[in-house]
N, C-alpha and C. Protein backbone atom coordinates (compact mmCIF):
# COMPACT_ATOMS: atom_id res chain seq x y z
N MET A 1 151.14 73.19 103.63
CA MET A 1 149.99 72.31 103.61
C MET A 1 150.18 71.30 102.47
N ALA A 2 150.06 70.04 102.77
CA ALA A 2 150.27 68.99 101.78
C ALA A 2 149.08 68.90 100.83
N GLU A 3 149.41 68.54 99.57
CA GLU A 3 148.35 68.38 98.57
C GLU A 3 147.51 67.16 98.94
N GLU A 4 146.20 67.29 98.86
CA GLU A 4 145.31 66.18 99.21
C GLU A 4 145.43 65.07 98.17
N GLU A 5 145.52 63.84 98.66
CA GLU A 5 145.64 62.68 97.77
C GLU A 5 144.33 62.44 97.04
N ARG A 6 144.46 62.12 95.76
CA ARG A 6 143.28 61.75 94.98
C ARG A 6 143.03 60.27 95.20
N LYS A 7 141.78 59.92 95.45
CA LYS A 7 141.41 58.54 95.73
C LYS A 7 140.24 58.14 94.85
N VAL A 8 140.10 56.84 94.69
CA VAL A 8 139.01 56.30 93.91
C VAL A 8 138.46 55.08 94.63
N THR A 9 137.14 54.88 94.55
CA THR A 9 136.52 53.71 95.15
C THR A 9 136.15 52.74 94.05
N ILE A 10 136.65 51.51 94.16
CA ILE A 10 136.37 50.45 93.19
C ILE A 10 135.93 49.21 93.96
N ASP A 11 134.76 48.73 93.62
CA ASP A 11 134.20 47.54 94.28
C ASP A 11 134.20 47.67 95.81
N GLY A 12 133.86 48.87 96.29
CA GLY A 12 133.75 49.10 97.72
C GLY A 12 135.06 49.32 98.45
N LYS A 13 136.17 49.36 97.71
CA LYS A 13 137.48 49.58 98.34
C LYS A 13 138.07 50.89 97.83
N ILE A 14 138.74 51.61 98.72
CA ILE A 14 139.32 52.90 98.38
C ILE A 14 140.80 52.72 98.05
N TYR A 15 141.20 53.33 96.92
CA TYR A 15 142.58 53.25 96.47
C TYR A 15 143.10 54.67 96.22
N ARG A 16 144.39 54.86 96.44
CA ARG A 16 145.04 56.11 96.05
C ARG A 16 145.36 55.99 94.57
N LEU A 17 145.01 57.02 93.81
CA LEU A 17 145.29 57.00 92.37
C LEU A 17 146.78 56.83 92.10
N ALA A 18 147.61 57.44 92.91
CA ALA A 18 149.05 57.35 92.71
C ALA A 18 149.53 55.90 92.79
N ASP A 19 148.84 55.06 93.56
CA ASP A 19 149.23 53.66 93.71
C ASP A 19 148.86 52.81 92.50
N LEU A 20 147.97 53.31 91.66
CA LEU A 20 147.54 52.53 90.50
C LEU A 20 148.57 52.54 89.38
N GLY A 21 149.45 53.53 89.39
CA GLY A 21 150.43 53.65 88.33
C GLY A 21 149.80 54.23 87.07
N GLU A 22 150.63 54.49 86.09
CA GLU A 22 150.14 55.08 84.82
C GLU A 22 149.13 54.18 84.14
N ASN A 23 149.46 52.89 84.05
CA ASN A 23 148.57 51.96 83.35
C ASN A 23 147.24 51.82 84.09
N GLY A 24 147.28 51.72 85.40
CA GLY A 24 146.05 51.61 86.17
C GLY A 24 145.17 52.83 86.03
N GLU A 25 145.79 53.99 86.06
CA GLU A 25 145.04 55.23 85.91
C GLU A 25 144.47 55.35 84.49
N ALA A 26 145.24 54.90 83.50
CA ALA A 26 144.75 54.91 82.11
C ALA A 26 143.55 53.98 81.97
N GLN A 27 143.62 52.80 82.60
CA GLN A 27 142.50 51.86 82.52
C GLN A 27 141.27 52.42 83.23
N LEU A 28 141.48 53.10 84.33
CA LEU A 28 140.38 53.75 85.05
C LEU A 28 139.73 54.81 84.16
N ASN A 29 140.54 55.61 83.48
CA ASN A 29 140.02 56.63 82.56
C ASN A 29 139.26 55.97 81.40
N ASN A 30 139.79 54.86 80.88
CA ASN A 30 139.10 54.12 79.82
C ASN A 30 137.74 53.62 80.30
N LEU A 31 137.72 53.09 81.52
CA LEU A 31 136.48 52.59 82.10
C LEU A 31 135.46 53.72 82.26
N ARG A 32 135.92 54.85 82.74
CA ARG A 32 135.03 56.01 82.89
C ARG A 32 134.48 56.45 81.53
N GLY A 33 135.35 56.44 80.52
CA GLY A 33 134.91 56.81 79.18
C GLY A 33 133.84 55.85 78.66
N CYS A 34 134.04 54.56 78.92
CA CYS A 34 133.05 53.56 78.50
C CYS A 34 131.72 53.78 79.21
N GLU A 35 131.77 54.07 80.49
CA GLU A 35 130.55 54.33 81.26
C GLU A 35 129.80 55.54 80.71
N MET A 36 130.55 56.58 80.37
CA MET A 36 129.92 57.78 79.81
C MET A 36 129.29 57.47 78.45
N GLU A 37 129.99 56.70 77.63
CA GLU A 37 129.47 56.34 76.31
C GLU A 37 128.22 55.47 76.44
N LEU A 38 128.22 54.51 77.37
CA LEU A 38 127.03 53.68 77.59
C LEU A 38 125.84 54.53 78.03
N THR A 39 126.08 55.48 78.90
CA THR A 39 125.01 56.36 79.35
C THR A 39 124.44 57.15 78.18
N GLU A 40 125.32 57.66 77.32
CA GLU A 40 124.87 58.42 76.14
C GLU A 40 124.10 57.52 75.18
N LEU A 41 124.58 56.30 74.97
CA LEU A 41 123.87 55.38 74.07
C LEU A 41 122.50 55.00 74.63
N GLN A 42 122.40 54.84 75.95
CA GLN A 42 121.11 54.54 76.56
C GLN A 42 120.14 55.71 76.38
N ARG A 43 120.66 56.91 76.50
CA ARG A 43 119.83 58.11 76.30
C ARG A 43 119.34 58.16 74.85
N LYS A 44 120.26 57.92 73.91
CA LYS A 44 119.88 57.95 72.49
C LYS A 44 118.90 56.82 72.17
N THR A 45 119.09 55.65 72.76
CA THR A 45 118.18 54.53 72.54
C THR A 45 116.77 54.89 73.02
N ALA A 46 116.67 55.53 74.17
CA ALA A 46 115.36 55.94 74.68
C ALA A 46 114.69 56.92 73.73
N ILE A 47 115.45 57.84 73.17
CA ILE A 47 114.90 58.82 72.22
C ILE A 47 114.40 58.11 70.97
N VAL A 48 115.20 57.20 70.42
CA VAL A 48 114.81 56.49 69.20
C VAL A 48 113.60 55.60 69.46
N GLN A 49 113.55 54.92 70.61
CA GLN A 49 112.40 54.08 70.92
C GLN A 49 111.13 54.90 71.06
N THR A 50 111.24 56.09 71.63
CA THR A 50 110.08 56.97 71.76
C THR A 50 109.60 57.41 70.38
N ALA A 51 110.53 57.80 69.52
CA ALA A 51 110.17 58.21 68.16
C ALA A 51 109.55 57.05 67.40
N ARG A 52 110.13 55.87 67.51
CA ARG A 52 109.61 54.68 66.81
C ARG A 52 108.17 54.40 67.23
N ALA A 53 107.90 54.48 68.53
CA ALA A 53 106.55 54.24 69.02
C ALA A 53 105.57 55.28 68.47
N ALA A 54 106.00 56.53 68.40
CA ALA A 54 105.14 57.59 67.86
C ALA A 54 104.86 57.35 66.38
N TYR A 55 105.90 56.96 65.62
CA TYR A 55 105.70 56.67 64.20
C TYR A 55 104.75 55.49 64.02
N ALA A 56 104.90 54.46 64.83
CA ALA A 56 104.04 53.28 64.73
C ALA A 56 102.59 53.64 65.05
N ARG A 57 102.38 54.48 66.08
CA ARG A 57 101.01 54.91 66.42
C ARG A 57 100.40 55.70 65.27
N THR A 58 101.18 56.62 64.71
CA THR A 58 100.69 57.43 63.60
C THR A 58 100.36 56.56 62.40
N LEU A 59 101.23 55.62 62.09
CA LEU A 59 100.97 54.71 60.97
C LEU A 59 99.72 53.88 61.22
N GLN A 60 99.51 53.40 62.44
CA GLN A 60 98.31 52.63 62.75
C GLN A 60 97.05 53.47 62.53
N GLU A 61 97.11 54.75 62.90
CA GLU A 61 95.97 55.64 62.66
C GLU A 61 95.71 55.80 61.16
N ILE A 62 96.77 55.96 60.38
CA ILE A 62 96.62 56.10 58.93
C ILE A 62 96.03 54.82 58.34
N LEU A 63 96.49 53.67 58.81
CA LEU A 63 96.04 52.38 58.28
C LEU A 63 94.55 52.14 58.54
N LYS A 64 93.96 52.80 59.52
CA LYS A 64 92.54 52.64 59.80
C LYS A 64 91.68 53.11 58.63
N SER A 65 92.22 54.03 57.83
CA SER A 65 91.44 54.56 56.71
C SER A 65 91.87 53.96 55.36
N VAL A 66 92.72 52.94 55.39
CA VAL A 66 93.21 52.32 54.16
C VAL A 66 92.76 50.87 54.14
N THR A 67 92.24 50.45 52.98
CA THR A 67 91.79 49.07 52.85
C THR A 67 92.97 48.18 52.44
N PRO A 68 93.21 47.11 53.20
CA PRO A 68 94.31 46.21 52.84
C PRO A 68 93.98 45.45 51.56
N VAL A 69 95.00 45.06 50.82
CA VAL A 69 94.80 44.32 49.58
C VAL A 69 94.99 42.82 49.78
N GLY A 70 95.33 42.40 50.98
CA GLY A 70 95.51 40.99 51.27
C GLY A 70 96.02 40.80 52.68
N THR A 71 96.33 39.55 53.00
CA THR A 71 96.85 39.20 54.31
C THR A 71 98.19 38.51 54.12
N ALA A 72 99.17 38.92 54.88
CA ALA A 72 100.50 38.32 54.79
C ALA A 72 100.48 36.94 55.42
N PRO A 73 101.32 36.04 54.91
CA PRO A 73 101.41 34.71 55.51
C PRO A 73 101.85 34.83 56.97
N SER A 74 101.33 33.96 57.81
CA SER A 74 101.67 33.97 59.23
C SER A 74 103.13 33.59 59.41
N GLN A 75 103.80 34.35 60.26
CA GLN A 75 105.18 34.05 60.62
C GLN A 75 105.20 33.71 62.09
N GLU A 76 105.47 32.45 62.42
CA GLU A 76 105.44 31.98 63.80
C GLU A 76 106.40 32.81 64.66
N GLY A 77 105.90 33.27 65.80
CA GLY A 77 106.72 34.04 66.72
C GLY A 77 106.94 35.48 66.33
N ASN A 78 106.29 35.94 65.26
CA ASN A 78 106.49 37.31 64.81
C ASN A 78 105.57 38.23 65.59
N THR A 79 106.16 39.13 66.36
CA THR A 79 105.38 40.08 67.15
C THR A 79 105.69 41.51 66.75
N SER A 80 106.22 41.70 65.55
CA SER A 80 106.61 43.04 65.14
C SER A 80 105.40 43.90 64.83
N THR A 81 105.58 45.20 64.95
CA THR A 81 104.50 46.14 64.68
C THR A 81 104.44 46.44 63.19
N ALA A 82 103.39 47.13 62.81
CA ALA A 82 103.24 47.52 61.41
C ALA A 82 104.43 48.35 60.96
N ALA A 83 104.91 49.22 61.84
CA ALA A 83 106.05 50.06 61.47
C ALA A 83 107.29 49.24 61.21
N ALA A 84 107.48 48.20 61.99
CA ALA A 84 108.67 47.37 61.82
C ALA A 84 108.59 46.50 60.58
N THR A 85 107.37 46.12 60.19
CA THR A 85 107.22 45.23 59.04
C THR A 85 106.98 45.99 57.74
N ALA A 86 106.72 47.28 57.82
CA ALA A 86 106.40 48.05 56.63
C ALA A 86 107.51 47.96 55.58
N GLU A 87 108.75 48.09 56.01
CA GLU A 87 109.86 48.05 55.06
C GLU A 87 109.97 46.68 54.40
N ALA A 88 109.82 45.62 55.18
CA ALA A 88 109.94 44.27 54.64
C ALA A 88 108.78 43.91 53.72
N SER A 89 107.64 44.55 53.91
CA SER A 89 106.46 44.21 53.14
C SER A 89 106.30 45.02 51.86
N GLN A 90 107.15 46.00 51.62
CA GLN A 90 107.02 46.83 50.43
C GLN A 90 107.20 46.00 49.19
N SER A 91 106.30 46.19 48.23
CA SER A 91 106.41 45.47 46.97
C SER A 91 107.19 46.30 45.97
N THR A 92 107.59 45.67 44.89
CA THR A 92 108.37 46.37 43.85
C THR A 92 107.50 46.74 42.67
N ASN A 93 106.22 47.06 42.95
CA ASN A 93 105.29 47.44 41.88
C ASN A 93 105.69 48.73 41.23
């Protein structure tokens, strides 16, 4: 019984892996590695964005009980949240 050929589909076309040669197969493996890394980074980004939103909500709740000491100058086009601006607004008192 003959060994079944390994095949890959790229852009809707089927290729035999053996026909890609060493370099082609290496590039395919590199591409797969990149896809896996992108998927992992997207997962991590979702986790960090969820945490950031939770921190911002918690900070907003805390700020409800704190009296501000002033108002920051308006920055045109600035839509950042309190959590995002907290670091930039810290004074060196």
